[in-house]
N, C-alpha and C. Protein backbone atom coordinates (compact mmCIF):
# COMPACT_ATOMS: atom_id res chain seq x y z
N MET A 1 90.57 114.68 101.53
CA MET A 1 90.17 113.29 101.60
C MET A 1 89.24 112.99 100.43
N ASN A 2 89.30 111.77 99.98
CA ASN A 2 88.45 111.31 98.90
C ASN A 2 86.98 111.45 99.31
N PRO A 3 86.13 112.00 98.43
CA PRO A 3 84.72 112.18 98.80
C PRO A 3 83.96 110.88 99.02
N ASP A 4 84.48 109.76 98.54
CA ASP A 4 83.81 108.47 98.73
C ASP A 4 84.04 107.89 100.13
N VAL A 5 85.01 108.37 100.85
CA VAL A 5 85.37 107.80 102.15
C VAL A 5 84.22 107.84 103.15
N PRO A 6 83.50 108.95 103.29
CA PRO A 6 82.41 108.96 104.27
C PRO A 6 81.32 107.92 103.99
N ASP A 7 81.18 107.51 102.75
CA ASP A 7 80.17 106.51 102.38
C ASP A 7 80.63 105.08 102.60
N ARG A 8 81.87 104.92 103.02
CA ARG A 8 82.43 103.58 103.21
C ARG A 8 83.04 103.49 104.61
N PRO A 9 82.25 103.06 105.60
CA PRO A 9 82.75 103.03 106.98
C PRO A 9 83.95 102.12 107.16
N TYR A 10 84.10 101.10 106.34
CA TYR A 10 85.26 100.21 106.46
C TYR A 10 86.55 100.92 106.09
N VAL A 11 86.46 101.94 105.24
CA VAL A 11 87.66 102.72 104.90
C VAL A 11 88.08 103.53 106.12
N ASN A 12 87.12 104.17 106.76
CA ASN A 12 87.43 104.92 107.98
C ASN A 12 88.01 104.01 109.05
N ALA A 13 87.46 102.81 109.19
CA ALA A 13 87.97 101.87 110.19
C ALA A 13 89.41 101.49 109.87
N ALA A 14 89.70 101.22 108.61
CA ALA A 14 91.07 100.86 108.21
C ALA A 14 92.03 102.01 108.47
N LEU A 15 91.61 103.22 108.16
CA LEU A 15 92.47 104.38 108.40
C LEU A 15 92.73 104.58 109.90
N ARG A 16 91.71 104.38 110.72
CA ARG A 16 91.87 104.51 112.17
C ARG A 16 92.85 103.47 112.71
N ILE A 17 92.70 102.23 112.26
CA ILE A 17 93.60 101.17 112.70
C ILE A 17 95.03 101.49 112.30
N ALA A 18 95.21 101.90 111.05
CA ALA A 18 96.55 102.23 110.56
C ALA A 18 97.15 103.38 111.37
N ARG A 19 96.34 104.38 111.66
CA ARG A 19 96.83 105.51 112.47
C ARG A 19 97.22 105.06 113.87
N ASN A 20 96.35 104.28 114.49
CA ASN A 20 96.61 103.84 115.86
C ASN A 20 97.83 102.93 115.96
N LEU A 21 98.09 102.18 114.91
CA LEU A 21 99.25 101.28 114.91
C LEU A 21 100.48 101.94 114.29
N GLU A 22 100.33 103.20 113.91
CA GLU A 22 101.42 103.96 113.29
C GLU A 22 101.98 103.25 112.06
N ALA A 23 101.08 102.85 111.17
CA ALA A 23 101.48 102.18 109.93
C ALA A 23 102.40 103.08 109.12
N SER A 24 103.43 102.47 108.58
CA SER A 24 104.41 103.22 107.79
C SER A 24 104.01 103.22 106.31
N GLU A 25 104.75 103.98 105.54
CA GLU A 25 104.53 103.98 104.09
C GLU A 25 104.76 102.59 103.51
N VAL A 26 105.74 101.87 104.06
CA VAL A 26 106.01 100.50 103.62
C VAL A 26 104.81 99.60 103.91
N ASP A 27 104.20 99.76 105.09
CA ASP A 27 103.01 98.98 105.43
C ASP A 27 101.89 99.23 104.42
N TRP A 28 101.66 100.50 104.10
CA TRP A 28 100.61 100.84 103.14
C TRP A 28 100.92 100.28 101.76
N GLN A 29 102.18 100.32 101.37
CA GLN A 29 102.54 99.79 100.06
C GLN A 29 102.30 98.28 100.01
N ARG A 30 102.66 97.60 101.08
CA ARG A 30 102.42 96.15 101.14
C ARG A 30 100.93 95.85 101.05
N PHE A 31 100.13 96.64 101.75
CA PHE A 31 98.68 96.45 101.72
C PHE A 31 98.13 96.68 100.31
N ALA A 32 98.57 97.74 99.66
CA ALA A 32 98.13 98.03 98.30
C ALA A 32 98.57 96.91 97.35
N ASP A 33 99.79 96.45 97.50
CA ASP A 33 100.29 95.35 96.66
C ASP A 33 99.48 94.08 96.88
N TYR A 34 99.15 93.80 98.14
CA TYR A 34 98.34 92.63 98.48
C TYR A 34 96.99 92.70 97.77
N LEU A 35 96.33 93.85 97.86
CA LEU A 35 95.02 93.98 97.23
C LEU A 35 95.11 93.87 95.71
N LYS A 36 96.10 94.53 95.12
CA LYS A 36 96.26 94.44 93.66
C LYS A 36 96.48 93.00 93.23
N ASN A 37 97.33 92.30 93.95
CA ASN A 37 97.63 90.91 93.63
C ASN A 37 96.39 90.03 93.81
N LYS A 38 95.68 90.22 94.90
CA LYS A 38 94.50 89.42 95.20
C LYS A 38 93.43 89.59 94.12
N TYR A 39 93.14 90.80 93.75
CA TYR A 39 92.04 91.04 92.82
C TYR A 39 92.45 90.92 91.36
N SER A 40 93.73 90.96 91.06
CA SER A 40 94.15 90.73 89.68
C SER A 40 94.05 89.25 89.34
N LYS A 41 93.99 88.40 90.38
CA LYS A 41 93.85 86.96 90.18
C LYS A 41 92.39 86.53 90.21
N GLY A 42 91.49 87.49 90.36
CA GLY A 42 90.08 87.18 90.35
C GLY A 42 89.52 86.64 91.65
N GLU A 43 90.27 86.75 92.74
CA GLU A 43 89.78 86.28 94.03
C GLU A 43 88.76 87.27 94.57
N VAL A 44 87.62 86.78 94.96
CA VAL A 44 86.60 87.62 95.58
C VAL A 44 86.01 86.86 96.74
N GLU A 45 85.86 87.55 97.86
CA GLU A 45 85.27 86.90 99.05
C GLU A 45 83.78 87.08 99.05
């Protein structure tokens, strides 16, 4: 596991949710694509 994960509780939460919902590789790819698209356009919350 990435050494930064323990320092980011939201990453652990996302991984738990994905595990519990049995997220597929396609789900993860869509999520990664969503984030890349969102932040390449300069959107920040």
